[in-house]
Amino acid sequence: MPPAIPTITISSSLGAAAVVFTAGEPTKALGLEVFAVLWAAQFVTWGFWYMFIYPFFISPLRKLPTPRGWRLVTGHTIDAISRGLGVAARDWQV
């Protein structure tokens, strides 16, 4: 389980509780709907941060030199498969 899941769950629970307590007619369905929406929104935001923002803009590893030919989705997989395993890695070391 990613470390953000408990934090997302706790903050969604607190947000749902705040909405239910301030609602004119609090119901269990309202609390569940608010919890689900808050949880999903926070999870999507966390996933976007974890996959796109942090590694490319925040991480201290973003400036490490890497071999040419890298792609966002596949990385170096296409090059390694088309040329054979190990061939591309040997060329990178030169």
Protein backbone atom coordinates (compact mmCIF):
# COMPACT_ATOMS: atom_id res chain seq x y z
CA MET A 1 0.00 0.00 0.00
CA PRO A 2 1.44 3.39 -0.93
CA PRO A 3 2.21 5.55 2.09
CA ALA A 4 -0.27 8.20 0.96
CA ILE A 5 -3.32 5.90 1.23
CA PRO A 6 -3.75 6.23 5.04
CA THR A 7 -3.31 9.99 4.81
CA ILE A 8 -5.85 10.22 1.99
CA THR A 9 -8.32 8.09 3.94
CA ILE A 10 -7.97 10.11 7.14
CA SER A 11 -8.28 13.48 5.42
CA SER A 12 -11.28 12.28 3.38
CA SER A 13 -12.94 11.04 6.57
CA LEU A 14 -12.39 14.38 8.28
CA GLY A 15 -13.71 16.27 5.26
CA ALA A 16 -16.78 14.06 5.03
CA ALA A 17 -17.43 14.46 8.76
CA ALA A 18 -17.17 18.24 8.43
CA VAL A 19 -19.67 18.29 5.56
CA VAL A 20 -22.09 15.96 7.36
CA PHE A 21 -21.99 17.95 10.59
CA THR A 22 -22.58 21.25 8.79
CA ALA A 23 -25.33 19.89 6.52
CA GLY A 24 -28.92 20.83 7.21
CA GLU A 25 -30.10 17.21 7.10
CA PRO A 26 -27.10 14.93 7.67
CA THR A 27 -27.47 11.42 6.25
CA LYS A 28 -25.20 8.44 6.00
CA ALA A 29 -25.47 8.51 2.19
CA LEU A 30 -24.25 12.11 2.11
CA GLY A 31 -21.25 11.19 4.22
CA LEU A 32 -20.38 8.23 2.00
CA GLU A 33 -20.74 10.27 -1.19
CA VAL A 34 -18.56 13.08 0.12
CA PHE A 35 -15.98 10.59 1.40
CA ALA A 36 -15.86 8.79 -1.97
CA VAL A 37 -15.51 12.01 -3.96
CA LEU A 38 -12.82 13.42 -1.67
CA TRP A 39 -10.91 10.12 -1.61
CA ALA A 40 -10.99 9.74 -5.40
CA ALA A 41 -9.96 13.36 -6.00
CA GLN A 42 -7.07 13.13 -3.56
CA PHE A 43 -5.93 9.78 -4.98
CA VAL A 44 -5.91 11.09 -8.56
CA THR A 45 -4.05 14.22 -7.45
CA TRP A 46 -1.51 12.14 -5.53
CA GLY A 47 -1.02 9.82 -8.52
CA PHE A 48 -0.46 12.76 -10.86
CA TRP A 49 2.05 14.25 -8.41
CA TYR A 50 3.83 10.93 -7.88
CA MET A 51 4.08 10.04 -11.59
CA PHE A 52 4.58 13.38 -13.36
CA ILE A 53 5.37 16.35 -11.12
CA TYR A 54 7.82 14.91 -8.57
CA PRO A 55 10.12 12.88 -10.84
CA PHE A 56 10.46 15.54 -13.55
CA PHE A 57 10.44 18.80 -11.57
CA ILE A 58 11.14 18.19 -7.86
CA SER A 59 13.31 15.07 -7.45
CA PRO A 60 17.04 15.61 -6.90
CA LEU A 61 17.63 12.71 -9.33
CA ARG A 62 16.06 14.59 -12.27
CA LYS A 63 19.40 16.06 -13.36
CA LEU A 64 21.33 12.79 -13.55
CA PRO A 65 22.64 12.06 -17.03
CA THR A 66 20.77 9.31 -18.87
CA PRO A 67 21.25 7.55 -22.20
CA ARG A 68 19.60 9.06 -25.27
CA GLY A 69 16.37 7.65 -26.62
CA TRP A 70 14.27 7.81 -23.47
CA ARG A 71 10.48 8.07 -23.90
CA LEU A 72 7.92 9.11 -21.27
CA VAL A 73 5.79 5.97 -21.36
CA THR A 74 8.14 3.20 -22.48
CA GLY A 75 11.53 4.48 -21.36
CA HIS A 76 14.27 2.46 -23.07
CA THR A 77 12.19 -0.72 -23.47
CA ILE A 78 11.59 -0.41 -27.23
CA ASP A 79 15.30 0.12 -27.91
CA ALA A 80 16.28 -2.83 -25.70
CA ILE A 81 13.78 -5.18 -27.35
CA SER A 82 14.49 -4.14 -30.95
CA ARG A 83 18.28 -4.40 -30.62
CA GLY A 84 18.39 -7.33 -28.24
CA LEU A 85 18.87 -7.47 -24.51
CA GLY A 86 22.24 -6.19 -23.41
CA VAL A 87 23.23 -4.60 -26.74
CA ALA A 88 21.75 -1.23 -25.88
CA ALA A 89 23.23 -1.36 -22.38
CA ARG A 90 26.71 -2.01 -23.79
CA ASP A 91 26.36 0.96 -26.14
CA TRP A 92 25.33 3.19 -23.22
CA GLN A 93 28.58 2.44 -21.40
CA VAL A 94 30.75 3.71 -24.24
